[in-house]
N, C-alpha and C. Protein backbone atom coordinates (compact mmCIF):
# COMPACT_ATOMS: atom_id res chain seq x y z
N MET A 1 0.88 -1.22 -0.27
CA MET A 1 -0.21 -0.03 -0.01
C MET A 1 0.82 1.16 0.17
N GLU A 2 0.76 2.06 -0.87
CA GLU A 2 1.61 3.18 -1.11
C GLU A 2 0.76 4.54 -0.42
N VAL A 3 1.27 5.15 0.46
CA VAL A 3 0.95 6.34 0.89
C VAL A 3 1.25 7.74 0.52
N SER A 4 0.50 8.50 0.19
CA SER A 4 0.70 9.92 -0.19
C SER A 4 1.42 10.86 0.67
N LYS A 5 2.41 11.69 0.74
CA LYS A 5 2.98 12.17 1.82
C LYS A 5 2.26 13.59 1.96
N LYS A 6 1.32 13.96 0.78
CA LYS A 6 0.65 15.34 0.74
C LYS A 6 -0.60 15.18 1.54
N GLU A 7 -1.17 13.84 1.47
CA GLU A 7 -2.57 13.84 2.05
C GLU A 7 -2.81 13.88 3.36
N LYS A 8 -3.63 14.38 3.90
CA LYS A 8 -4.03 14.21 5.62
C LYS A 8 -4.33 12.88 5.87
N HIS A 9 -3.83 12.08 6.75
CA HIS A 9 -4.38 10.96 7.20
C HIS A 9 -4.84 10.73 8.68
N ASP A 10 -5.52 10.13 8.87
CA ASP A 10 -6.44 10.15 10.19
C ASP A 10 -5.40 9.15 10.80
N PRO A 11 -5.01 9.18 12.38
CA PRO A 11 -4.46 8.20 12.98
C PRO A 11 -4.79 7.04 13.14
N VAL A 12 -4.09 6.17 12.88
CA VAL A 12 -4.33 4.82 13.08
C VAL A 12 -4.07 4.16 14.74
N VAL A 13 -5.04 3.73 15.21
CA VAL A 13 -4.93 3.43 16.77
C VAL A 13 -4.94 2.05 16.88
N ILE A 14 -3.71 1.35 17.24
CA ILE A 14 -3.62 -0.08 17.61
C ILE A 14 -3.39 -0.42 18.86
N ARG A 15 -3.79 -1.64 19.47
CA ARG A 15 -3.75 -1.96 20.77
C ARG A 15 -2.44 -2.91 20.89
N ILE A 16 -1.57 -2.41 21.65
CA ILE A 16 -0.21 -3.31 21.56
C ILE A 16 -0.51 -4.36 22.33
N MET A 17 -1.64 -4.64 22.97
CA MET A 17 -1.86 -6.13 23.75
C MET A 17 -2.17 -6.83 22.52
N ASP A 18 -2.84 -6.85 21.47
CA ASP A 18 -3.02 -7.73 20.56
C ASP A 18 -1.88 -8.14 19.85
N TYR A 19 -0.53 -7.72 20.15
CA TYR A 19 0.80 -8.22 19.53
C TYR A 19 1.55 -8.95 20.47
N ASP A 20 2.15 -9.93 20.26
CA ASP A 20 3.20 -10.79 21.04
C ASP A 20 4.42 -10.07 20.96
N ASN A 21 4.90 -9.47 20.06
CA ASN A 21 6.28 -8.72 20.00
C ASN A 21 5.97 -7.53 19.69
N LEU A 22 6.47 -6.61 20.89
CA LEU A 22 6.62 -5.23 20.84
C LEU A 22 7.27 -4.58 19.71
N GLU A 23 8.38 -5.37 19.39
CA GLU A 23 9.43 -4.64 18.24
C GLU A 23 8.34 -4.69 16.83
N ASP A 24 7.86 -5.60 16.47
CA ASP A 24 6.78 -5.79 15.59
C ASP A 24 6.11 -3.97 15.51
N VAL A 25 5.67 -4.08 16.48
CA VAL A 25 4.57 -2.84 16.41
C VAL A 25 5.77 -1.47 16.16
N LEU A 26 6.59 -1.38 16.99
CA LEU A 26 7.56 -0.27 16.92
C LEU A 26 8.20 0.11 15.77
N SER A 27 8.31 -1.13 14.99
CA SER A 27 8.98 -0.89 13.66
C SER A 27 8.14 -0.52 12.61
N LYS A 28 6.74 -0.50 12.90
CA LYS A 28 5.70 0.19 11.63
C LYS A 28 5.18 1.44 12.09
N ILE A 29 5.50 2.00 13.31
CA ILE A 29 4.98 3.15 13.62
C ILE A 29 5.78 4.38 12.95
N ILE A 30 4.98 5.34 12.34
CA ILE A 30 5.26 6.36 11.78
C ILE A 30 4.85 7.64 12.76
N ILE A 31 5.80 8.38 12.86
CA ILE A 31 5.47 9.86 13.71
C ILE A 31 5.61 11.01 13.04
N PRO A 32 4.56 11.66 12.70
CA PRO A 32 4.59 12.78 11.80
C PRO A 32 5.23 13.90 12.65
N PHE A 33 6.63 14.18 12.68
CA PHE A 33 7.17 15.24 13.44
C PHE A 33 6.66 16.34 13.29
N SER A 34 5.96 16.90 12.07
CA SER A 34 5.69 18.13 11.66
C SER A 34 4.50 18.44 12.49
N GLU A 35 3.75 17.44 12.72
CA GLU A 35 2.44 17.97 13.39
C GLU A 35 2.59 17.54 14.89
N VAL A 36 3.60 16.91 15.52
CA VAL A 36 4.01 16.98 16.91
C VAL A 36 4.85 17.99 17.19
N MET A 37 5.63 18.85 16.32
CA MET A 37 6.40 19.98 16.72
C MET A 37 5.57 21.36 16.33
N LYS A 38 4.58 21.08 15.96
CA LYS A 38 3.55 22.37 15.24
C LYS A 38 3.60 23.57 16.34
N ASP A 39 3.37 23.09 17.27
CA ASP A 39 3.34 24.07 18.72
C ASP A 39 4.28 24.64 19.28
N SER A 40 5.38 23.80 18.90
CA SER A 40 6.65 24.24 19.94
C SER A 40 7.40 25.24 19.12
N HIS A 41 7.91 26.26 19.77
CA HIS A 41 8.77 27.29 19.39
C HIS A 41 9.81 27.34 19.98
N VAL A 42 10.76 26.49 19.79
CA VAL A 42 12.33 26.39 20.31
C VAL A 42 13.15 27.40 19.85
N PRO A 43 13.81 28.37 20.19
CA PRO A 43 14.78 29.18 19.66
C PRO A 43 15.99 28.65 19.08
N ASP A 44 16.82 29.29 18.26
CA ASP A 44 17.77 28.70 17.81
C ASP A 44 18.79 28.67 18.75
N VAL A 45 19.60 27.44 18.64
CA VAL A 45 20.69 27.51 19.96
C VAL A 45 21.64 28.40 19.40
N TYR A 46 21.95 28.66 18.25
CA TYR A 46 23.31 29.64 17.89
C TYR A 46 22.90 30.47 16.74
N THR A 47 22.76 31.77 17.13
CA THR A 47 22.20 32.76 16.13
C THR A 47 23.33 33.38 15.52
N GLY A 48 24.42 33.18 15.86
CA GLY A 48 25.52 33.70 14.90
C GLY A 48 26.19 34.95 15.40
N TYR A 49 25.62 35.60 16.06
CA TYR A 49 26.24 36.88 16.62
C TYR A 49 27.19 36.68 17.58
N GLU A 50 27.35 35.58 18.33
CA GLU A 50 28.50 35.48 19.59
C GLU A 50 29.75 35.81 19.16
N LYS A 51 30.47 36.27 19.87
CA LYS A 51 31.94 36.37 19.38
C LYS A 51 32.60 35.56 20.36
N ILE A 52 33.14 34.49 20.01
CA ILE A 52 33.93 33.41 20.44
C ILE A 52 35.35 33.49 20.00
N PRO A 53 36.41 33.97 20.78
CA PRO A 53 37.69 33.75 20.32
C PRO A 53 38.28 32.50 20.12
N PHE A 54 38.97 32.30 18.80
CA PHE A 54 39.62 31.09 18.42
C PHE A 54 39.81 30.23 19.53
N GLU A 55 41.01 30.74 20.42
CA GLU A 55 41.29 29.73 21.54
C GLU A 55 40.46 29.53 22.50
N LYS A 56 39.41 29.81 22.69
CA LYS A 56 38.25 29.59 23.43
C LYS A 56 37.20 28.63 22.81
N ARG A 57 37.30 28.18 21.75
CA ARG A 57 36.49 27.27 20.88
C ARG A 57 36.88 25.90 21.37
N TYR A 58 36.03 25.15 21.18
CA TYR A 58 36.02 23.60 21.38
C TYR A 58 37.09 23.23 20.94
N PRO A 59 38.10 22.06 21.27
CA PRO A 59 39.57 21.71 20.62
C PRO A 59 39.28 21.17 19.32
N LEU A 60 38.04 20.38 19.14
CA LEU A 60 37.99 19.36 17.80
C LEU A 60 37.55 20.77 16.71
N TYR A 61 36.96 21.59 17.26
CA TYR A 61 36.83 22.61 16.09
C TYR A 61 37.85 23.41 15.79
N GLN A 62 38.93 23.55 16.72
CA GLN A 62 40.12 24.24 16.23
C GLN A 62 41.29 23.05 15.28
N ILE A 63 40.84 22.07 15.66
CA ILE A 63 41.92 20.80 14.71
C ILE A 63 41.05 21.19 13.27
N ILE A 64 39.71 20.86 13.01
CA ILE A 64 39.04 20.86 11.92
C ILE A 64 39.34 22.21 11.22
N MET A 65 39.39 23.17 11.83
CA MET A 65 39.65 24.52 11.23
C MET A 65 41.19 24.67 10.68
N ARG A 66 42.03 24.25 11.57
CA ARG A 66 43.34 24.22 11.05
C ARG A 66 43.76 23.49 10.08
N GLN A 67 43.01 22.20 9.84
CA GLN A 67 43.40 21.37 8.96
C GLN A 67 42.77 21.72 7.65
N GLU A 68 41.57 22.33 7.72
CA GLU A 68 40.77 23.10 6.44
C GLU A 68 41.62 24.02 5.90
N PHE A 69 42.13 25.19 6.70
CA PHE A 69 43.18 26.17 6.39
C PHE A 69 44.44 25.59 5.75
N ALA A 70 44.83 24.55 6.29
CA ALA A 70 46.47 23.85 5.61
C ALA A 70 45.98 23.26 4.44
N ASP A 71 44.74 22.70 4.13
CA ASP A 71 44.39 22.19 3.02
C ASP A 71 44.02 23.27 1.81
N ALA A 72 43.72 24.42 2.02
CA ALA A 72 43.20 25.41 1.20
C ALA A 72 44.55 25.75 0.96
N MET A 73 45.50 26.32 1.99
CA MET A 73 47.12 26.61 1.64
C MET A 73 47.71 25.71 0.67
N ILE A 74 47.54 24.57 0.43
CA ILE A 74 48.32 23.66 -0.40
C ILE A 74 47.62 23.95 -1.64
N VAL A 75 46.43 23.96 -1.67
CA VAL A 75 45.82 24.14 -2.98
C VAL A 75 46.08 25.32 -3.74
N ILE A 76 46.31 26.42 -2.74
CA ILE A 76 46.73 27.72 -3.43
C ILE A 76 48.08 27.72 -3.78
N LYS A 77 48.76 27.21 -2.98
CA LYS A 77 50.32 27.17 -3.21
C LYS A 77 50.56 26.40 -4.55
N ASN A 78 49.94 24.96 -4.54
CA ASN A 78 49.87 24.19 -6.08
C ASN A 78 49.44 24.98 -7.12
N GLY A 79 48.18 25.92 -7.02
CA GLY A 79 47.54 26.79 -8.00
C GLY A 79 48.61 27.51 -8.47
N ILE A 80 49.57 28.22 -7.57
CA ILE A 80 50.03 29.76 -8.10
C ILE A 80 51.58 28.97 -8.69
N SER A 81 52.11 27.70 -8.36
CA SER A 81 53.17 27.33 -8.84
C SER A 81 52.88 26.51 -10.05
N THR A 82 51.90 26.05 -10.43
CA THR A 82 51.56 25.52 -11.71
C THR A 82 51.55 26.79 -12.74
N GLU A 83 50.90 27.83 -12.14
CA GLU A 83 50.70 29.15 -13.15
C GLU A 83 51.75 29.57 -13.51
N ALA A 84 52.90 29.74 -12.51
CA ALA A 84 54.01 30.34 -12.72
C ALA A 84 55.09 29.34 -14.04
N LYS A 85 54.81 28.25 -14.00
CA LYS A 85 55.30 27.56 -15.12
C LYS A 85 55.09 27.72 -16.42
């Protein structure tokens, strides 16, 4: 049975007691989070306006940023050296 995502569907109510194995029931449950979270107004965790010095950032963030910077510098260096030839 194919179900359209755009159609509004009535909830299906089942009795868990009718099943021997709870995993069979749980594997078939679909939770429409758009309906569940409709009334929730959770603010964003990060607004982008915070000023966090690089030294105070999480160490893993620092490692990733340094690696990305090093990779970018290698690309730039290789691009400049091939253009000079």
